[in-house]
Amino acid sequence: MSTAATADAPVLTAAERVRSVLARAVSLTLTTDSRSYDLIGMHTIGHKGRIRLHPRPDDPLTAQLAAAPRGSLAALLEFTDIAPTAVRDRVRARVTVSGWLAPPAGTDRHGDGLRLDTARVTLRTTAGLTDVGLDELALAEPDPLAADEAAMLTHLADAHGDLVAGLLRLAGPRLPRGAVRALPLALDRYGLTLRCEQDAAHHDLRLLFPSAARDAAEAGAHIRRLLTAPLDCPHQHPAA
């Protein structure tokens, strides 16, 4: 059983990563030409990842859009993907979406809230900045574990520290020297990532599932299978 990411190991595409961040985000920062807003629980993600904002009628954003000369407002939306567990450096990714806010079209059957006509989407991770094509984004789906990831990771960290220690044995001699703590960092259909923290640094260890998980129940079963993996199974270097 493979336990760490390699160059050809399965990973979420950039578009799937963006869709997953959007699917679990409860807040965002909106910047227009003259104002900045922190919006909590005021957006929805629809078909093909289309974003809608739902400000109150008396919200300053509503008034700003109403006063826009062409009926639309240039907008920059920023979503921050934060690890649900108390790891060092909790920001896992940032998604930036730029475009124009406008009232829903008269024939739009989902005509509540403000629609965002998207122009550009970028994903920033520790690997760098990636432009995500709009067609690619429309065809992608969120990871099937996106909605359950936070609950599963916090449960694993809070109630099953012994299981995390058991998972670490899969790294064998590849475990970073001087590691003082390890916590679950991320979970998707392909595997579980642990963050191994040293005094002044950290390294991420990717544990691959034997097959892609279709839901939370399958992911849980795969984690239990990792715990029963033989000690002499192949190991690769932890993910940087």
C-alpha atoms as a PDB file:
ATOM      1  CA  MET A   1       0.000   0.000   0.000  1.00  0.00           C
ATOM      2  CA  SER A   2       1.419   3.352  -1.005  1.00  0.00           C
ATOM      3  CA  THR A   3       1.585   5.941   1.754  1.00  0.00           C
ATOM      4  CA  ALA A   4       2.929   9.165   0.288  1.00  0.00           C
ATOM      5  CA  ALA A   5       2.415  11.388  -2.709  1.00  0.00           C
ATOM      6  CA  THR A   6       4.592  10.892  -5.762  1.00  0.00           C
ATOM      7  CA  ALA A   7       4.735  12.769  -9.052  1.00  0.00           C
ATOM      8  CA  ASP A   8       2.077  10.491 -10.587  1.00  0.00           C
ATOM      9  CA  ALA A   9      -0.072  10.007  -7.468  1.00  0.00           C
ATOM     10  CA  PRO A  10      -3.735  10.979  -7.883  1.00  0.00           C
ATOM     11  CA  VAL A  11      -4.589  14.456  -6.647  1.00  0.00           C
ATOM     12  CA  LEU A  12      -7.508  16.819  -7.063  1.00  0.00           C
ATOM     13  CA  THR A  13      -7.266  19.003 -10.146  1.00  0.00           C
ATOM     14  CA  ALA A  14      -7.014  22.744  -9.618  1.00  0.00           C
ATOM     15  CA  ALA A  15     -10.642  23.105 -10.722  1.00  0.00           C
ATOM     16  CA  GLU A  16     -11.791  20.391  -8.297  1.00  0.00           C
ATOM     17  CA  ARG A  17      -9.818  22.060  -5.539  1.00  0.00           C
ATOM     18  CA  VAL A  18     -11.508  25.382  -6.258  1.00  0.00           C
ATOM     19  CA  ARG A  19     -14.961  23.774  -6.344  1.00  0.00           C
ATOM     20  CA  SER A  20     -14.218  22.050  -3.026  1.00  0.00           C
ATOM     21  CA  VAL A  21     -13.104  25.305  -1.381  1.00  0.00           C
ATOM     22  CA  LEU A  22     -16.252  27.043  -2.622  1.00  0.00           C
ATOM     23  CA  ALA A  23     -18.478  24.167  -1.490  1.00  0.00           C
ATOM     24  CA  ARG A  24     -17.371  24.349   2.142  1.00  0.00           C
ATOM     25  CA  ALA A  25     -16.765  28.099   2.476  1.00  0.00           C
ATOM     26  CA  VAL A  26     -19.113  29.945   4.845  1.00  0.00           C
ATOM     27  CA  SER A  27     -17.536  33.365   4.402  1.00  0.00           C
ATOM     28  CA  LEU A  28     -15.741  35.499   1.854  1.00  0.00           C
ATOM     29  CA  THR A  29     -14.226  38.926   1.408  1.00  0.00           C
ATOM     30  CA  LEU A  30     -15.729  41.084  -1.341  1.00  0.00           C
ATOM     31  CA  THR A  31     -13.872  44.079  -2.738  1.00  0.00           C
ATOM     32  CA  THR A  32     -15.487  46.553  -5.124  1.00  0.00           C
ATOM     33  CA  ASP A  33     -14.009  49.714  -6.579  1.00  0.00           C
ATOM     34  CA  SER A  34     -14.669  51.661  -3.406  1.00  0.00           C
ATOM     35  CA  ARG A  35     -15.513  49.295  -0.564  1.00  0.00           C
ATOM     36  CA  SER A  36     -14.618  46.023   1.115  1.00  0.00           C
ATOM     37  CA  TYR A  37     -17.125  43.671   2.733  1.00  0.00           C
ATOM     38  CA  ASP A  38     -16.699  40.601   4.936  1.00  0.00           C
ATOM     39  CA  LEU A  39     -19.705  38.428   4.123  1.00  0.00           C
ATOM     40  CA  ILE A  40     -20.669  35.516   6.370  1.00  0.00           C
ATOM     41  CA  GLY A  41     -23.433  33.169   5.285  1.00  0.00           C
ATOM     42  CA  MET A  42     -24.441  35.492   2.462  1.00  0.00           C
ATOM     43  CA  HIS A  43     -23.518  33.489  -0.627  1.00  0.00           C
ATOM     44  CA  THR A  44     -24.554  30.299  -2.372  1.00  0.00           C
ATOM     45  CA  ILE A  45     -22.828  28.145  -4.972  1.00  0.00           C
ATOM     46  CA  GLY A  46     -25.080  26.928  -7.733  1.00  0.00           C
ATOM     47  CA  HIS A  47     -24.855  24.821 -10.857  1.00  0.00           C
ATOM     48  CA  LYS A  48     -21.390  24.709 -12.428  1.00  0.00           C
ATOM     49  CA  GLY A  49     -19.951  26.660  -9.509  1.00  0.00           C
ATOM     50  CA  ARG A  50     -21.872  29.852 -10.182  1.00  0.00           C
ATOM     51  CA  ILE A  51     -21.739  32.256  -7.271  1.00  0.00           C
ATOM     52  CA  ARG A  52     -24.617  34.324  -5.941  1.00  0.00           C
ATOM     53  CA  LEU A  53     -24.566  36.879  -3.148  1.00  0.00           C
ATOM     54  CA  HIS A  54     -27.587  37.509  -0.953  1.00  0.00           C
ATOM     55  CA  PRO A  55     -27.271  40.914   0.727  1.00  0.00           C
ATOM     56  CA  ARG A  56     -30.209  42.358   2.645  1.00  0.00           C
ATOM     57  CA  PRO A  57     -32.255  45.083   0.904  1.00  0.00           C
ATOM     58  CA  ASP A  58     -30.820  47.669   3.320  1.00  0.00           C
ATOM     59  CA  ASP A  59     -27.243  46.459   2.906  1.00  0.00           C
ATOM     60  CA  PRO A  60     -24.717  49.039   1.586  1.00  0.00           C
ATOM     61  CA  LEU A  61     -23.758  46.575  -1.177  1.00  0.00           C
ATOM     62  CA  THR A  62     -27.328  46.621  -2.492  1.00  0.00           C
ATOM     63  CA  ALA A  63     -27.299  50.404  -2.586  1.00  0.00           C
ATOM     64  CA  GLN A  64     -23.891  50.466  -4.245  1.00  0.00           C
ATOM     65  CA  LEU A  65     -25.046  48.147  -7.014  1.00  0.00           C
ATOM     66  CA  ALA A  66     -28.232  50.146  -7.525  1.00  0.00           C
ATOM     67  CA  ALA A  67     -26.118  53.258  -8.070  1.00  0.00           C
ATOM     68  CA  ALA A  68     -23.712  51.575 -10.504  1.00  0.00           C
ATOM     69  CA  PRO A  69     -23.866  53.438 -13.859  1.00  0.00           C
ATOM     70  CA  ARG A  70     -24.190  50.319 -16.051  1.00  0.00           C
ATOM     71  CA  GLY A  71     -26.183  48.189 -13.635  1.00  0.00           C
ATOM     72  CA  SER A  72     -23.199  45.998 -12.760  1.00  0.00           C
ATOM     73  CA  LEU A  73     -20.318  46.320 -10.348  1.00  0.00           C
ATOM     74  CA  ALA A  74     -16.718  45.136 -10.758  1.00  0.00           C
ATOM     75  CA  ALA A  75     -16.032  42.736  -7.896  1.00  0.00           C
ATOM     76  CA  LEU A  76     -13.234  40.646  -6.433  1.00  0.00           C
ATOM     77  CA  LEU A  77     -14.212  37.732  -4.166  1.00  0.00           C
ATOM     78  CA  GLU A  78     -11.635  36.019  -1.952  1.00  0.00           C
ATOM     79  CA  PHE A  79     -12.199  32.669  -0.245  1.00  0.00           C
ATOM     80  CA  THR A  80      -9.692  31.342   2.306  1.00  0.00           C
ATOM     81  CA  ASP A  81      -9.480  27.598   2.905  1.00  0.00           C
ATOM     82  CA  ILE A  82      -8.440  27.064   6.531  1.00  0.00           C
ATOM     83  CA  ALA A  83      -7.586  23.702   8.088  1.00  0.00           C
ATOM     84  CA  PRO A  84     -10.244  22.722  10.644  1.00  0.00           C
ATOM     85  CA  THR A  85      -7.604  21.365  13.030  1.00  0.00           C
ATOM     86  CA  ALA A  86      -5.139  23.402  15.084  1.00  0.00           C
ATOM     87  CA  VAL A  87      -2.117  22.796  12.866  1.00  0.00           C
ATOM     88  CA  ARG A  88       0.670  25.295  12.375  1.00  0.00           C
ATOM     89  CA  ASP A  89       0.015  27.562   9.354  1.00  0.00           C
ATOM     90  CA  ARG A  90      -3.673  26.726   8.945  1.00  0.00           C
ATOM     91  CA  VAL A  91      -4.248  28.424   5.568  1.00  0.00           C
ATOM     92  CA  ARG A  92      -4.317  25.656   2.981  1.00  0.00           C
ATOM     93  CA  ALA A  93      -5.419  27.615  -0.077  1.00  0.00           C
ATOM     94  CA  ARG A  94      -6.875  30.899  -1.287  1.00  0.00           C
ATOM     95  CA  VAL A  95      -9.343  31.198  -4.142  1.00  0.00           C
ATOM     96  CA  THR A  96      -9.836  34.544  -5.883  1.00  0.00           C
ATOM     97  CA  VAL A  97     -12.771  35.113  -8.227  1.00  0.00           C
ATOM     98  CA  SER A  98     -13.123  38.332 -10.207  1.00  0.00           C
ATOM     99  CA  GLY A  99     -16.004  39.485 -12.357  1.00  0.00           C
ATOM    100  CA  TRP A 100     -19.088  41.668 -12.324  1.00  0.00           C
ATOM    101  CA  LEU A 101     -21.982  41.649  -9.867  1.00  0.00           C
ATOM    102  CA  ALA A 102     -25.402  42.215 -11.379  1.00  0.00           C
ATOM    103  CA  PRO A 103     -29.059  41.689 -10.502  1.00  0.00           C
ATOM    104  CA  PRO A 104     -30.484  38.372 -11.745  1.00  0.00           C
ATOM    105  CA  ALA A 105     -31.823  38.361 -15.292  1.00  0.00           C
ATOM    106  CA  GLY A 106     -35.583  38.619 -15.594  1.00  0.00           C
ATOM    107  CA  THR A 107     -35.892  35.114 -17.047  1.00  0.00           C
ATOM    108  CA  ASP A 108     -33.649  33.558 -14.402  1.00  0.00           C
ATOM    109  CA  ARG A 109     -35.667  30.960 -12.521  1.00  0.00           C
ATOM    110  CA  HIS A 110     -33.218  31.170  -9.618  1.00  0.00           C
ATOM    111  CA  GLY A 111     -33.621  34.928  -9.523  1.00  0.00           C
ATOM    112  CA  ASP A 112     -32.836  35.755  -5.930  1.00  0.00           C
ATOM    113  CA  GLY A 113     -29.665  37.493  -4.912  1.00  0.00           C
ATOM    114  CA  LEU A 114     -26.942  39.012  -7.038  1.00  0.00           C
ATOM    115  CA  ARG A 115     -25.272  36.945  -9.723  1.00  0.00           C
ATOM    116  CA  LEU A 116     -21.545  37.062 -10.346  1.00  0.00           C
ATOM    117  CA  ASP A 117     -20.523  36.987 -14.008  1.00  0.00           C
ATOM    118  CA  THR A 118     -17.107  35.432 -13.531  1.00  0.00           C
ATOM    119  CA  ALA A 119     -14.117  36.623 -15.556  1.00  0.00           C
ATOM    120  CA  ARG A 120     -11.152  34.976 -13.829  1.00  0.00           C
ATOM    121  CA  VAL A 121     -10.468  32.399 -11.114  1.00  0.00           C
ATOM    122  CA  THR A 122      -7.122  31.759  -9.429  1.00  0.00           C
ATOM    123  CA  LEU A 123      -6.010  29.215  -6.851  1.00  0.00           C
ATOM    124  CA  ARG A 124      -3.057  29.922  -4.562  1.00  0.00           C
ATOM    125  CA  THR A 125      -1.489  27.063  -2.576  1.00  0.00           C
ATOM    126  CA  THR A 126       1.953  26.336  -1.208  1.00  0.00           C
ATOM    127  CA  ALA A 127       2.805  25.161  -4.737  1.00  0.00           C
ATOM    128  CA  GLY A 128       2.119  28.607  -6.201  1.00  0.00           C
ATOM    129  CA  LEU A 129      -0.562  30.466  -8.143  1.00  0.00           C
ATOM    130  CA  THR A 130      -2.712  28.734 -10.773  1.00  0.00           C
ATOM    131  CA  ASP A 131      -5.209  30.246 -13.195  1.00  0.00           C
ATOM    132  CA  VAL A 132      -8.246  27.982 -13.489  1.00  0.00           C
ATOM    133  CA  GLY A 133     -10.128  28.020 -16.785  1.00  0.00           C
ATOM    134  CA  LEU A 134     -13.825  28.853 -16.574  1.00  0.00           C
ATOM    135  CA  ASP A 135     -14.806  25.911 -18.795  1.00  0.00           C
ATOM    136  CA  GLU A 136     -12.714  23.570 -16.673  1.00  0.00           C
ATOM    137  CA  LEU A 137     -14.338  24.951 -13.534  1.00  0.00           C
ATOM    138  CA  ALA A 138     -17.844  24.507 -14.943  1.00  0.00           C
ATOM    139  CA  LEU A 139     -17.152  20.837 -15.718  1.00  0.00           C
ATOM    140  CA  ALA A 140     -15.519  20.055 -12.362  1.00  0.00           C
ATOM    141  CA  GLU A 141     -17.308  18.824  -9.249  1.00  0.00           C
ATOM    142  CA  PRO A 142     -16.384  19.352  -5.600  1.00  0.00           C
ATOM    143  CA  ASP A 143     -14.574  16.465  -3.968  1.00  0.00           C
ATOM    144  CA  PRO A 144     -17.217  14.084  -2.532  1.00  0.00           C
ATOM    145  CA  LEU A 145     -15.707  14.510   0.948  1.00  0.00           C
ATOM    146  CA  ALA A 146     -15.647  18.320   0.885  1.00  0.00           C
ATOM    147  CA  ALA A 147     -18.764  18.750   3.023  1.00  0.00           C
ATOM    148  CA  ASP A 148     -17.690  16.120   5.579  1.00  0.00           C
ATOM    149  CA  GLU A 149     -13.963  16.861   5.723  1.00  0.00           C
ATOM    150  CA  ALA A 150     -13.980  19.296   8.660  1.00  0.00           C
ATOM    151  CA  ALA A 151     -16.068  17.048  10.912  1.00  0.00           C
ATOM    152  CA  MET A 152     -14.011  13.977  10.042  1.00  0.00           C
ATOM    153  CA  LEU A 153     -10.655  15.679  10.621  1.00  0.00           C
ATOM    154  CA  THR A 154     -11.653  17.308  13.911  1.00  0.00           C
ATOM    155  CA  HIS A 155     -13.091  14.010  15.160  1.00  0.00           C
ATOM    156  CA  LEU A 156      -9.894  12.216  14.211  1.00  0.00           C
ATOM    157  CA  ALA A 157      -7.770  14.828  15.980  1.00  0.00           C
ATOM    158  CA  ASP A 158      -9.924  15.249  19.094  1.00  0.00           C
ATOM    159  CA  ALA A 159     -11.078  11.709  19.759  1.00  0.00           C
ATOM    160  CA  HIS A 160      -8.541   9.459  18.078  1.00  0.00           C
ATOM    161  CA  GLY A 161      -5.049  10.755  18.736  1.00  0.00           C
ATOM    162  CA  ASP A 162      -3.989   7.109  19.094  1.00  0.00           C
ATOM    163  CA  LEU A 163      -5.115   6.471  15.512  1.00  0.00           C
ATOM    164  CA  VAL A 164      -3.051   9.410  14.246  1.00  0.00           C
ATOM    165  CA  ALA A 165      -0.029   7.940  16.031  1.00  0.00           C
ATOM    166  CA  GLY A 166      -0.799   4.616  14.390  1.00  0.00           C
ATOM    167  CA  LEU A 167      -0.952   6.224  10.974  1.00  0.00           C
ATOM    168  CA  LEU A 168       2.442   7.812  11.512  1.00  0.00           C
ATOM    169  CA  ARG A 169       4.068   4.401  11.701  1.00  0.00           C
ATOM    170  CA  LEU A 170       3.412   4.071   7.974  1.00  0.00           C
ATOM    171  CA  ALA A 171       6.094   6.675   7.366  1.00  0.00           C
ATOM    172  CA  GLY A 172       8.697   4.523   9.099  1.00  0.00           C
ATOM    173  CA  PRO A 173      12.164   6.024   8.654  1.00  0.00           C
ATOM    174  CA  ARG A 174      10.709   8.686   6.351  1.00  0.00           C
ATOM    175  CA  LEU A 175       9.059  10.466   9.281  1.00  0.00           C
ATOM    176  CA  PRO A 176      10.717  13.910   9.568  1.00  0.00           C
ATOM    177  CA  ARG A 177      13.356  13.881  12.290  1.00  0.00           C
ATOM    178  CA  GLY A 178      12.532  15.891  15.364  1.00  0.00           C
ATOM    179  CA  ALA A 179       8.764  15.805  14.828  1.00  0.00           C
ATOM    180  CA  VAL A 180       7.054  16.886  18.045  1.00  0.00           C
ATOM    181  CA  ARG A 181       3.423  16.722  16.929  1.00  0.00           C
ATOM    182  CA  ALA A 182       1.288  15.424  14.080  1.00  0.00           C
ATOM    183  CA  LEU A 183      -2.288  16.372  13.242  1.00  0.00           C
ATOM    184  CA  PRO A 184      -4.623  15.622  10.321  1.00  0.00           C
ATOM    185  CA  LEU A 185      -4.449  18.488   7.824  1.00  0.00           C
ATOM    186  CA  ALA A 186      -6.589  17.513   4.832  1.00  0.00           C
ATOM    187  CA  LEU A 187      -8.793  14.753   3.496  1.00  0.00           C
ATOM    188  CA  ASP A 188     -10.070  14.065   0.005  1.00  0.00           C
ATOM    189  CA  ARG A 189     -11.205  11.045  -1.960  1.00  0.00           C
ATOM    190  CA  TYR A 190      -7.629  10.006  -2.715  1.00  0.00           C
ATOM    191  CA  GLY A 191      -6.129  10.115   0.752  1.00  0.00           C
ATOM    192  CA  LEU A 192      -5.370  11.704   4.102  1.00  0.00           C
ATOM    193  CA  THR A 193      -2.650  14.295   4.747  1.00  0.00           C
ATOM    194  CA  LEU A 194      -0.973  14.638   8.144  1.00  0.00           C
ATOM    195  CA  ARG A 195       1.058  17.685   9.154  1.00  0.00           C
ATOM    196  CA  CYS A 196       4.188  16.686  11.058  1.00  0.00           C
ATOM    197  CA  GLU A 197       5.454  19.644  13.079  1.00  0.00           C
ATOM    198  CA  GLN A 198       9.014  20.176  14.253  1.00  0.00           C
ATOM    199  CA  ASP A 199      10.258  22.955  16.519  1.00  0.00           C
ATOM    200  CA  ALA A 200      10.702  25.465  13.687  1.00  0.00           C
ATOM    201  CA  ALA A 201       9.307  23.750  10.583  1.00  0.00           C
ATOM    202  CA  HIS A 202       6.718  21.294   9.378  1.00  0.00           C
ATOM    203  CA  HIS A 203       6.329  18.644   6.685  1.00  0.00           C
ATOM    204  CA  ASP A 204       3.184  17.118   5.234  1.00  0.00           C
ATOM    205  CA  LEU A 205       2.803  13.357   4.955  1.00  0.00           C
ATOM    206  CA  ARG A 206       0.333  12.120   2.357  1.00  0.00           C
ATOM    207  CA  LEU A 207      -1.273   8.705   2.982  1.00  0.00           C
ATOM    208  CA  LEU A 208      -2.933   7.364  -0.148  1.00  0.00           C
ATOM    209  CA  PHE A 209      -6.076   5.243  -0.092  1.00  0.00           C
ATOM    210  CA  PRO A 210      -6.083   1.959  -2.032  1.00  0.00           C
ATOM    211  CA  SER A 211      -8.902   3.376  -4.179  1.00  0.00           C
ATOM    212  CA  ALA A 212     -10.811   6.642  -4.408  1.00  0.00           C
ATOM    213  CA  ALA A 213     -13.441   7.059  -1.684  1.00  0.00           C
ATOM    214  CA  ARG A 214     -16.928   7.809  -2.917  1.00  0.00           C
ATOM    215  CA  ASP A 215     -18.233   9.134   0.404  1.00  0.00           C
ATOM    216  CA  ALA A 216     -17.380   9.643   4.077  1.00  0.00           C
ATOM    217  CA  ALA A 217     -18.161   6.024   4.975  1.00  0.00           C
ATOM    218  CA  GLU A 218     -15.702   4.704   2.401  1.00  0.00           C
ATOM    219  CA  ALA A 219     -13.064   7.207   3.526  1.00  0.00           C
ATOM    220  CA  GLY A 220     -13.439   5.981   7.101  1.00  0.00           C
ATOM    221  CA  ALA A 221     -13.043   2.404   5.938  1.00  0.00           C
ATOM    222  CA  HIS A 222      -9.905   3.334   3.996  1.00  0.00           C
ATOM    223  CA  ILE A 223      -8.391   5.007   7.061  1.00  0.00           C
ATOM    224  CA  ARG A 224      -9.008   1.837   9.064  1.00  0.00           C
ATOM    225  CA  ARG A 225      -7.319  -0.145   6.296  1.00  0.00           C
ATOM    226  CA  LEU A 226      -4.303   2.151   6.501  1.00  0.00           C
ATOM    227  CA  LEU A 227      -4.060   1.354  10.210  1.00  0.00           C
ATOM    228  CA  THR A 228      -3.831  -2.359   9.451  1.00  0.00           C
ATOM    229  CA  ALA A 229      -1.304  -1.950   6.625  1.00  0.00           C
ATOM    230  CA  PRO A 230       1.806  -4.106   7.052  1.00  0.00           C
ATOM    231  CA  LEU A 231       4.845  -2.342   8.416  1.00  0.00           C
ATOM    232  CA  ASP A 232       6.952  -3.454   5.479  1.00  0.00           C
ATOM    233  CA  CYS A 233       4.715  -1.911   2.795  1.00  0.00           C
ATOM    234  CA  PRO A 234       6.479   0.446   0.337  1.00  0.00           C
ATOM    235  CA  HIS A 235       7.159   3.960   1.576  1.00  0.00           C
ATOM    236  CA  GLN A 236       8.063   7.108  -0.282  1.00  0.00           C
ATOM    237  CA  HIS A 237       9.220  10.455   0.962  1.00  0.00           C
ATOM    238  CA  PRO A 238       6.660  12.620   2.760  1.00  0.00           C
ATOM    239  CA  ALA A 239       5.100  15.360   0.702  1.00  0.00           C
ATOM    240  CA  ALA A 240       6.876  18.692   1.070  1.00  0.00           C
END
